[in-house]
N, C-alpha and C. Protein backbone atom coordinates (compact mmCIF):
# COMPACT_ATOMS: atom_id res chain seq x y z
N MET A 1 -18.10 1.18 -3.55
CA MET A 1 -16.48 0.81 -3.67
C MET A 1 -17.21 -0.24 -4.79
N THR A 2 -16.61 0.39 -6.40
CA THR A 2 -16.77 -1.04 -7.23
C THR A 2 -15.33 -1.33 -7.59
N LYS A 3 -15.91 -2.16 -8.70
CA LYS A 3 -14.35 -3.05 -8.82
C LYS A 3 -13.48 -1.80 -9.60
N LYS A 4 -14.29 -1.17 -10.76
CA LYS A 4 -13.64 -0.59 -11.23
C LYS A 4 -12.98 1.16 -11.07
N VAL A 5 -13.62 1.32 -9.80
CA VAL A 5 -12.94 2.75 -9.47
C VAL A 5 -12.07 2.25 -7.91
N GLY A 6 -12.46 1.06 -7.14
CA GLY A 6 -12.14 0.62 -6.06
C GLY A 6 -12.01 1.43 -5.10
N SER A 7 -11.06 2.30 -4.55
CA SER A 7 -10.68 2.60 -2.82
C SER A 7 -11.50 4.40 -2.98
N THR A 8 -10.82 4.55 -4.48
CA THR A 8 -11.73 5.74 -4.81
C THR A 8 -12.69 6.25 -5.09
N GLY A 9 -13.54 5.40 -5.04
CA GLY A 9 -14.77 5.92 -5.04
C GLY A 9 -15.36 6.40 -3.79
N ARG A 10 -14.64 6.92 -2.60
CA ARG A 10 -15.05 8.04 -2.07
C ARG A 10 -15.15 9.48 -2.43
N PHE A 11 -14.44 9.74 -3.67
CA PHE A 11 -13.86 10.86 -4.17
C PHE A 11 -15.20 11.07 -5.03
N GLY A 12 -16.25 10.52 -5.71
CA GLY A 12 -16.95 10.39 -6.46
C GLY A 12 -16.40 11.10 -8.06
N ALA A 13 -17.15 11.96 -8.48
CA ALA A 13 -16.61 12.40 -9.32
C ALA A 13 -15.56 13.72 -9.50
N ARG A 14 -15.38 13.71 -8.11
CA ARG A 14 -14.15 15.20 -7.71
C ARG A 14 -12.76 14.76 -8.52
N TYR A 15 -12.02 15.76 -8.29
CA TYR A 15 -10.32 15.62 -8.62
C TYR A 15 -10.14 14.82 -10.08
N GLY A 16 -10.80 14.68 -11.23
CA GLY A 16 -10.57 14.55 -12.49
C GLY A 16 -9.98 13.11 -12.15
N LYS A 17 -9.97 12.07 -13.97
CA LYS A 17 -10.20 10.91 -13.36
C LYS A 17 -8.74 10.50 -13.39
N LYS A 18 -7.54 11.37 -13.89
CA LYS A 18 -6.19 11.05 -13.65
C LYS A 18 -5.63 11.14 -12.19
N VAL A 19 -6.26 11.35 -11.66
CA VAL A 19 -5.67 12.12 -10.25
C VAL A 19 -6.62 10.94 -9.34
N ARG A 20 -7.26 10.63 -9.33
CA ARG A 20 -8.08 8.95 -9.24
C ARG A 20 -7.33 7.83 -9.37
N LYS A 21 -6.71 8.11 -10.42
CA LYS A 21 -6.07 6.59 -11.02
C LYS A 21 -4.40 6.18 -10.67
N ARG A 22 -4.01 7.44 -10.12
CA ARG A 22 -2.94 7.54 -9.31
C ARG A 22 -3.17 7.01 -8.32
N VAL A 23 -4.17 7.82 -7.23
CA VAL A 23 -4.14 7.41 -6.02
C VAL A 23 -4.43 6.21 -6.15
N LEU A 24 -5.40 5.96 -6.49
CA LEU A 24 -5.86 4.10 -7.15
C LEU A 24 -4.22 3.12 -7.19
N ASP A 25 -3.60 3.30 -7.99
CA ASP A 25 -2.49 2.81 -7.33
C ASP A 25 -1.29 3.03 -6.47
N ILE A 26 -1.45 3.82 -5.95
CA ILE A 26 -0.83 3.92 -4.75
C ILE A 26 -1.12 3.02 -3.66
N GLU A 27 -2.31 3.50 -3.63
CA GLU A 27 -3.14 2.88 -2.31
C GLU A 27 -3.36 1.48 -2.63
N LYS A 28 -3.06 0.53 -4.03
CA LYS A 28 -3.48 -0.59 -4.28
C LYS A 28 -1.62 -1.15 -3.49
N LYS A 29 -0.89 0.04 -3.73
CA LYS A 29 0.27 -0.70 -3.42
C LYS A 29 0.79 -0.90 -1.74
N LEU A 30 0.44 0.35 -1.33
CA LEU A 30 0.59 0.57 0.11
C LEU A 30 -0.34 -0.41 0.94
N ARG A 31 -1.70 -1.02 0.50
CA ARG A 31 -2.24 -1.79 1.25
C ARG A 31 -1.62 -3.05 1.21
N GLY A 32 -1.34 -3.85 -0.06
CA GLY A 32 -0.97 -5.46 -0.21
C GLY A 32 0.31 -5.59 0.45
N TRP A 33 0.30 -7.15 0.42
CA TRP A 33 1.42 -7.62 1.01
C TRP A 33 2.94 -7.39 0.13
N HIS A 34 3.62 -7.46 1.09
CA HIS A 34 5.14 -7.21 -0.09
C HIS A 34 6.33 -7.79 1.17
N LYS A 35 7.62 -8.36 0.08
CA LYS A 35 8.18 -8.91 0.46
C LYS A 35 9.58 -8.67 1.28
N CYS A 36 9.49 -9.09 2.68
CA CYS A 36 9.96 -8.81 3.68
C CYS A 36 11.50 -9.52 3.26
N PRO A 37 12.60 -8.47 3.02
CA PRO A 37 13.75 -8.29 3.47
C PRO A 37 15.30 -9.36 4.37
N TYR A 38 14.29 -9.46 5.29
CA TYR A 38 14.80 -10.67 6.11
C TYR A 38 14.58 -11.70 6.09
N CYS A 39 13.41 -12.37 5.91
CA CYS A 39 13.09 -13.27 5.89
C CYS A 39 12.23 -13.98 4.07
N SER A 40 12.35 -12.68 3.25
CA SER A 40 11.83 -13.09 2.02
C SER A 40 10.29 -13.48 1.84
N LYS A 41 9.29 -13.41 3.16
CA LYS A 41 8.12 -14.25 3.26
C LYS A 41 7.57 -12.76 2.79
N LEU A 42 6.56 -13.31 1.53
CA LEU A 42 5.14 -12.01 1.03
C LEU A 42 4.64 -11.88 3.11
N ARG A 43 4.49 -11.17 3.96
CA ARG A 43 4.45 -11.45 5.04
C ARG A 43 4.25 -9.78 5.73
N VAL A 44 4.84 -8.57 4.54
CA VAL A 44 4.95 -7.36 5.48
C VAL A 44 3.41 -6.25 5.09
N LYS A 45 3.41 -5.76 6.30
CA LYS A 45 2.44 -4.37 6.25
C LYS A 45 2.70 -3.20 6.57
N ARG A 46 2.12 -2.01 5.74
CA ARG A 46 2.49 -0.85 6.25
C ARG A 46 1.76 -0.26 7.23
N MET A 47 2.67 0.60 8.55
CA MET A 47 2.33 0.46 9.76
C MET A 47 2.16 2.12 10.11
N ALA A 48 2.93 2.40 9.41
CA ALA A 48 2.86 4.01 8.96
C ALA A 48 3.64 4.31 7.69
N VAL A 49 3.62 5.89 7.90
CA VAL A 49 3.90 6.17 6.59
C VAL A 49 5.70 5.99 7.03
N GLY A 50 6.24 4.51 5.84
CA GLY A 50 7.53 4.65 6.50
C GLY A 50 8.11 3.52 7.17
N ILE A 51 6.87 2.98 7.90
CA ILE A 51 6.85 1.78 9.00
C ILE A 51 6.19 0.74 8.68
N TRP A 52 7.66 -0.08 8.44
CA TRP A 52 7.21 -1.53 7.88
C TRP A 52 7.17 -2.59 9.29
N LYS A 53 6.18 -3.59 8.57
CA LYS A 53 6.29 -4.75 9.74
C LYS A 53 6.34 -6.14 8.77
N CYS A 54 6.96 -7.22 9.75
CA CYS A 54 7.03 -8.03 9.11
C CYS A 54 6.30 -9.21 10.33
N LYS A 55 4.81 -10.05 9.17
CA LYS A 55 4.27 -10.80 10.58
C LYS A 55 4.34 -11.98 10.89
N SER A 56 5.76 -12.37 10.09
CA SER A 56 6.59 -13.61 9.85
C SER A 56 7.17 -13.50 11.17
N CYS A 57 8.21 -12.63 10.72
CA CYS A 57 9.66 -12.59 11.72
C CYS A 57 9.34 -11.50 12.36
N ASN A 58 8.84 -10.98 12.57
CA ASN A 58 8.38 -9.69 13.54
C ASN A 58 8.93 -8.36 13.64
N LYS A 59 9.74 -8.18 12.35
CA LYS A 59 10.82 -7.61 12.18
C LYS A 59 10.07 -6.12 11.90
N GLU A 60 10.35 -4.85 12.56
CA GLU A 60 10.19 -3.91 12.39
C GLU A 60 10.87 -2.55 11.67
N PHE A 61 11.06 -2.07 10.32
CA PHE A 61 12.21 -1.71 9.68
C PHE A 61 11.14 -0.16 9.00
N ALA A 62 12.79 0.32 8.32
CA ALA A 62 11.72 1.61 7.74
C ALA A 62 12.14 1.15 6.30
N GLY A 63 11.68 1.78 6.03
CA GLY A 63 10.95 1.78 3.90
C GLY A 63 10.87 3.15 3.38
N ARG A 64 10.34 2.94 2.12
CA ARG A 64 9.70 4.00 1.30
C ARG A 64 8.25 4.56 1.88
N ALA A 65 7.72 5.04 1.75
CA ALA A 65 6.63 5.38 2.17
C ALA A 65 5.81 4.85 1.73
N TYR A 66 5.26 4.35 0.07
CA TYR A 66 4.04 3.45 -0.10
C TYR A 66 4.51 1.90 -0.30
N GLU A 67 5.85 1.58 -0.36
CA GLU A 67 6.22 0.53 -0.77
C GLU A 67 7.68 0.22 0.04
N VAL A 68 7.57 -1.07 0.36
CA VAL A 68 9.09 -1.85 0.47
C VAL A 68 10.55 -1.28 -0.74
N LYS A 69 11.29 -1.06 -0.47
CA LYS A 69 12.23 -0.71 -1.07
C LYS A 69 14.13 -1.39 -0.68
């Protein structure tokens, strides 16, 4: 994994640059911290597809697949 390709380095030269860039953008969104709609802190992580949990207030809630909205 390098700075340039990030987590998509696992694909090597396959699938084309555009597709790998889209995957990289999506993975950055889903793996980062998100703002909790209940306590407004940046402590929300994704548990599974569409299931999010705040590490601060321990609320578990449904949202979008890749980000909380």
